[in-house]
Amino acid sequence: MTQQRKIEGQCLCGAVTVTATVTNPIVRACHCEMCRRHTSSMFMSLPTVAGSITVSGPAKTYRSSEWAERGFCETCGSTLWYGTIGDGVRNLSAGLFKDAANAPLKLEFFTDTAPKGYALAGEHRKMTTAETLALFEPEGDVDV
């Protein structure tokens, strides 16, 4: 039986606090160009239970494409989330939570575009650009 648990985190300066519910949390890393530009590295996120996220404090959003936005703290600039506009899903930054909510790394997106010096340890799924795009197409039927 899977159990849900509440996680609580904050940005670097503490002005923004975030709470959410997770079920068997995992960490996902995205190496796409936008994530690298936004974070100066890869974006590492935690999927959460739909509708469970509460954000308090000076959070701002930047619409980074036709379908997505990125959240950040207005005070310190910490990355808060990557969100999709159409469904309102927000993927919270793993760095907001102590020890990334004790979640293991399970998935990397856009691995073929990762800088040559990036190599994440451990056994986990690594998806190329083509595999990642196929996953997120509306007719995609892959479970992550």
C-alpha atoms as a PDB file:
ATOM      1  CA  MET A   1       0.000   0.000   0.000  1.00  0.00           C
ATOM      2  CA  THR A   2       1.339   3.431  -0.915  1.00  0.00           C
ATOM      3  CA  GLN A   3       1.196   6.168   1.654  1.00  0.00           C
ATOM      4  CA  GLN A   4       0.949   9.869   1.113  1.00  0.00           C
ATOM      5  CA  ARG A   5       3.001  12.264   3.178  1.00  0.00           C
ATOM      6  CA  LYS A   6       3.255  16.009   3.452  1.00  0.00           C
ATOM      7  CA  ILE A   7       6.518  17.734   2.582  1.00  0.00           C
ATOM      8  CA  GLU A   8       7.486  21.283   3.531  1.00  0.00           C
ATOM      9  CA  GLY A   9      10.200  23.407   2.000  1.00  0.00           C
ATOM     10  CA  GLN A  10      11.420  26.916   1.366  1.00  0.00           C
ATOM     11  CA  CYS A  11      13.475  29.066  -0.961  1.00  0.00           C
ATOM     12  CA  LEU A  12      17.023  30.195  -0.145  1.00  0.00           C
ATOM     13  CA  CYS A  13      15.966  33.282   1.836  1.00  0.00           C
ATOM     14  CA  GLY A  14      12.908  31.664   3.440  1.00  0.00           C
ATOM     15  CA  ALA A  15      10.457  34.255   2.083  1.00  0.00           C
ATOM     16  CA  VAL A  16       8.600  31.592   0.073  1.00  0.00           C
ATOM     17  CA  THR A  17       7.390  28.440   1.757  1.00  0.00           C
ATOM     18  CA  VAL A  18       5.926  25.456  -0.043  1.00  0.00           C
ATOM     19  CA  THR A  19       3.936  22.473   1.167  1.00  0.00           C
ATOM     20  CA  ALA A  20       2.733  19.546  -0.909  1.00  0.00           C
ATOM     21  CA  THR A  21       1.721  15.932  -0.655  1.00  0.00           C
ATOM     22  CA  VAL A  22       3.767  13.160  -2.259  1.00  0.00           C
ATOM     23  CA  THR A  23       3.195   9.462  -2.792  1.00  0.00           C
ATOM     24  CA  ASN A  24       6.379   7.417  -3.237  1.00  0.00           C
ATOM     25  CA  PRO A  25       8.377  10.527  -4.234  1.00  0.00           C
ATOM     26  CA  ILE A  26      11.044  10.430  -6.927  1.00  0.00           C
ATOM     27  CA  VAL A  27      13.490  12.999  -8.233  1.00  0.00           C
ATOM     28  CA  ARG A  28      13.529  13.784 -11.948  1.00  0.00           C
ATOM     29  CA  ALA A  29      16.304  15.719 -13.693  1.00  0.00           C
ATOM     30  CA  CYS A  30      15.753  17.746 -16.862  1.00  0.00           C
ATOM     31  CA  HIS A  31      18.681  18.721 -19.079  1.00  0.00           C
ATOM     32  CA  CYS A  32      16.727  20.752 -21.667  1.00  0.00           C
ATOM     33  CA  GLU A  33      18.162  24.096 -22.715  1.00  0.00           C
ATOM     34  CA  MET A  34      15.489  26.142 -20.930  1.00  0.00           C
ATOM     35  CA  CYS A  35      15.979  24.317 -17.626  1.00  0.00           C
ATOM     36  CA  ARG A  36      19.748  24.743 -17.884  1.00  0.00           C
ATOM     37  CA  ARG A  37      19.381  28.460 -18.575  1.00  0.00           C
ATOM     38  CA  HIS A  38      16.888  28.904 -15.744  1.00  0.00           C
ATOM     39  CA  THR A  39      18.902  27.035 -13.094  1.00  0.00           C
ATOM     40  CA  SER A  40      22.457  27.215 -14.495  1.00  0.00           C
ATOM     41  CA  SER A  41      22.410  23.418 -14.383  1.00  0.00           C
ATOM     42  CA  MET A  42      19.738  20.750 -14.713  1.00  0.00           C
ATOM     43  CA  PHE A  43      16.330  21.231 -13.097  1.00  0.00           C
ATOM     44  CA  MET A  44      15.607  18.577 -10.481  1.00  0.00           C
ATOM     45  CA  SER A  45      11.968  18.200  -9.534  1.00  0.00           C
ATOM     46  CA  LEU A  46       9.555  16.206  -7.401  1.00  0.00           C
ATOM     47  CA  PRO A  47       6.145  15.180  -8.728  1.00  0.00           C
ATOM     48  CA  THR A  48       3.367  15.795  -6.195  1.00  0.00           C
ATOM     49  CA  VAL A  49      -0.244  14.804  -5.671  1.00  0.00           C
ATOM     50  CA  ALA A  50      -2.492  16.917  -7.913  1.00  0.00           C
ATOM     51  CA  GLY A  51      -3.947  19.929  -6.121  1.00  0.00           C
ATOM     52  CA  SER A  52      -1.828  19.487  -2.980  1.00  0.00           C
ATOM     53  CA  ILE A  53       0.638  22.370  -3.449  1.00  0.00           C
ATOM     54  CA  THR A  54       0.413  25.468  -1.268  1.00  0.00           C
ATOM     55  CA  VAL A  55       2.804  28.360  -1.898  1.00  0.00           C
ATOM     56  CA  SER A  56       3.117  31.304   0.508  1.00  0.00           C
ATOM     57  CA  GLY A  57       5.259  34.390   0.022  1.00  0.00           C
ATOM     58  CA  PRO A  58       6.531  36.480  -2.883  1.00  0.00           C
ATOM     59  CA  ALA A  59       6.439  33.817  -5.618  1.00  0.00           C
ATOM     60  CA  LYS A  60       6.443  35.076  -9.201  1.00  0.00           C
ATOM     61  CA  THR A  61       6.058  33.279 -12.504  1.00  0.00           C
ATOM     62  CA  TYR A  62       7.717  33.688 -15.857  1.00  0.00           C
ATOM     63  CA  ARG A  63       5.936  32.273 -18.906  1.00  0.00           C
ATOM     64  CA  SER A  64       8.835  30.539 -20.640  1.00  0.00           C
ATOM     65  CA  SER A  65       6.889  29.119 -23.603  1.00  0.00           C
ATOM     66  CA  GLU A  66       3.383  28.805 -25.022  1.00  0.00           C
ATOM     67  CA  TRP A  67       2.674  25.885 -22.693  1.00  0.00           C
ATOM     68  CA  ALA A  68       4.866  26.409 -19.615  1.00  0.00           C
ATOM     69  CA  GLU A  69       5.810  28.740 -16.792  1.00  0.00           C
ATOM     70  CA  ARG A  70       8.595  28.785 -14.240  1.00  0.00           C
ATOM     71  CA  GLY A  71       8.181  29.929 -10.671  1.00  0.00           C
ATOM     72  CA  PHE A  72      10.788  31.789  -8.648  1.00  0.00           C
ATOM     73  CA  CYS A  73      11.135  33.743  -5.408  1.00  0.00           C
ATOM     74  CA  GLU A  74      10.855  37.473  -6.039  1.00  0.00           C
ATOM     75  CA  THR A  75      13.295  38.166  -3.183  1.00  0.00           C
ATOM     76  CA  CYS A  76      16.192  35.730  -3.684  1.00  0.00           C
ATOM     77  CA  GLY A  77      15.463  34.298  -7.143  1.00  0.00           C
ATOM     78  CA  SER A  78      15.343  30.645  -6.069  1.00  0.00           C
ATOM     79  CA  THR A  79      13.736  28.331  -8.598  1.00  0.00           C
ATOM     80  CA  LEU A  80      10.404  27.099  -7.223  1.00  0.00           C
ATOM     81  CA  TRP A  81       8.728  25.098 -10.004  1.00  0.00           C
ATOM     82  CA  TYR A  82       8.224  24.253 -13.632  1.00  0.00           C
ATOM     83  CA  GLY A  83       4.534  24.279 -14.506  1.00  0.00           C
ATOM     84  CA  THR A  84       2.395  23.470 -17.514  1.00  0.00           C
ATOM     85  CA  ILE A  85      -0.259  26.052 -18.373  1.00  0.00           C
ATOM     86  CA  GLY A  86      -2.885  23.736 -19.892  1.00  0.00           C
ATOM     87  CA  ASP A  87      -3.340  21.446 -16.905  1.00  0.00           C
ATOM     88  CA  GLY A  88      -1.964  23.617 -14.090  1.00  0.00           C
ATOM     89  CA  VAL A  89       0.550  20.965 -12.987  1.00  0.00           C
ATOM     90  CA  ARG A  90       3.570  22.288 -11.079  1.00  0.00           C
ATOM     91  CA  ASN A  91       6.717  20.222 -10.664  1.00  0.00           C
ATOM     92  CA  LEU A  92       8.399  21.541  -7.540  1.00  0.00           C
ATOM     93  CA  SER A  93      12.131  22.096  -7.309  1.00  0.00           C
ATOM     94  CA  ALA A  94      13.706  19.257  -5.334  1.00  0.00           C
ATOM     95  CA  GLY A  95      16.098  21.761  -3.744  1.00  0.00           C
ATOM     96  CA  LEU A  96      13.287  23.378  -1.763  1.00  0.00           C
ATOM     97  CA  PHE A  97      13.042  20.318   0.470  1.00  0.00           C
ATOM     98  CA  LYS A  98      15.560  18.952   2.958  1.00  0.00           C
ATOM     99  CA  ASP A  99      17.419  16.046   1.347  1.00  0.00           C
ATOM    100  CA  ALA A 100      15.091  16.382  -1.684  1.00  0.00           C
ATOM    101  CA  ALA A 101      12.308  14.915   0.492  1.00  0.00           C
ATOM    102  CA  ASN A 102      14.414  11.734   0.794  1.00  0.00           C
ATOM    103  CA  ALA A 103      13.420  10.844  -2.757  1.00  0.00           C
ATOM    104  CA  PRO A 104      15.705   8.786  -5.000  1.00  0.00           C
ATOM    105  CA  LEU A 105      16.697   9.925  -8.504  1.00  0.00           C
ATOM    106  CA  LYS A 106      14.621   7.825 -10.900  1.00  0.00           C
ATOM    107  CA  LEU A 107      14.475   9.676 -14.220  1.00  0.00           C
ATOM    108  CA  GLU A 108      16.470  12.011 -16.458  1.00  0.00           C
ATOM    109  CA  PHE A 109      14.968  13.903 -19.423  1.00  0.00           C
ATOM    110  CA  PHE A 110      16.879  15.163 -22.512  1.00  0.00           C
ATOM    111  CA  THR A 111      20.025  13.206 -21.612  1.00  0.00           C
ATOM    112  CA  ASP A 112      21.440  13.613 -25.109  1.00  0.00           C
ATOM    113  CA  THR A 113      21.566  17.406 -24.598  1.00  0.00           C
ATOM    114  CA  ALA A 114      23.261  17.303 -21.184  1.00  0.00           C
ATOM    115  CA  PRO A 115      26.671  18.982 -21.037  1.00  0.00           C
ATOM    116  CA  LYS A 116      29.535  16.515 -21.408  1.00  0.00           C
ATOM    117  CA  GLY A 117      30.638  16.973 -17.762  1.00  0.00           C
ATOM    118  CA  TYR A 118      27.269  15.952 -16.288  1.00  0.00           C
ATOM    119  CA  ALA A 119      26.972  12.387 -15.072  1.00  0.00           C
ATOM    120  CA  LEU A 120      24.441  11.468 -12.417  1.00  0.00           C
ATOM    121  CA  ALA A 121      25.254   8.329 -10.446  1.00  0.00           C
ATOM    122  CA  GLY A 122      23.017   5.366  -9.858  1.00  0.00           C
ATOM    123  CA  GLU A 123      20.680   3.190 -11.837  1.00  0.00           C
ATOM    124  CA  HIS A 124      17.736   5.140 -13.238  1.00  0.00           C
ATOM    125  CA  ARG A 125      15.881   5.732 -16.495  1.00  0.00           C
ATOM    126  CA  LYS A 126      17.613   8.076 -18.946  1.00  0.00           C
ATOM    127  CA  MET A 127      15.496   9.492 -21.780  1.00  0.00           C
ATOM    128  CA  THR A 128      16.768  11.154 -24.960  1.00  0.00           C
ATOM    129  CA  THR A 129      15.123  14.204 -26.534  1.00  0.00           C
ATOM    130  CA  ALA A 130      13.051  12.024 -28.865  1.00  0.00           C
ATOM    131  CA  GLU A 131      11.904   9.792 -25.990  1.00  0.00           C
ATOM    132  CA  THR A 132      11.086  12.792 -23.785  1.00  0.00           C
ATOM    133  CA  LEU A 133       9.070  14.555 -26.479  1.00  0.00           C
ATOM    134  CA  ALA A 134       7.184  11.337 -27.269  1.00  0.00           C
ATOM    135  CA  LEU A 135       6.313  10.983 -23.583  1.00  0.00           C
ATOM    136  CA  PHE A 136       4.732  14.414 -23.380  1.00  0.00           C
ATOM    137  CA  GLU A 137       2.821  14.356 -26.665  1.00  0.00           C
ATOM    138  CA  PRO A 138      -0.950  14.233 -26.045  1.00  0.00           C
ATOM    139  CA  GLU A 139      -1.199  10.681 -27.396  1.00  0.00           C
ATOM    140  CA  GLY A 140       1.794   9.586 -25.269  1.00  0.00           C
ATOM    141  CA  ASP A 141       0.950   6.586 -23.135  1.00  0.00           C
ATOM    142  CA  VAL A 142       4.108   6.139 -21.066  1.00  0.00           C
ATOM    143  CA  ASP A 143       3.870   6.045 -17.288  1.00  0.00           C
ATOM    144  CA  VAL A 144       6.733   7.678 -15.366  1.00  0.00           C
END
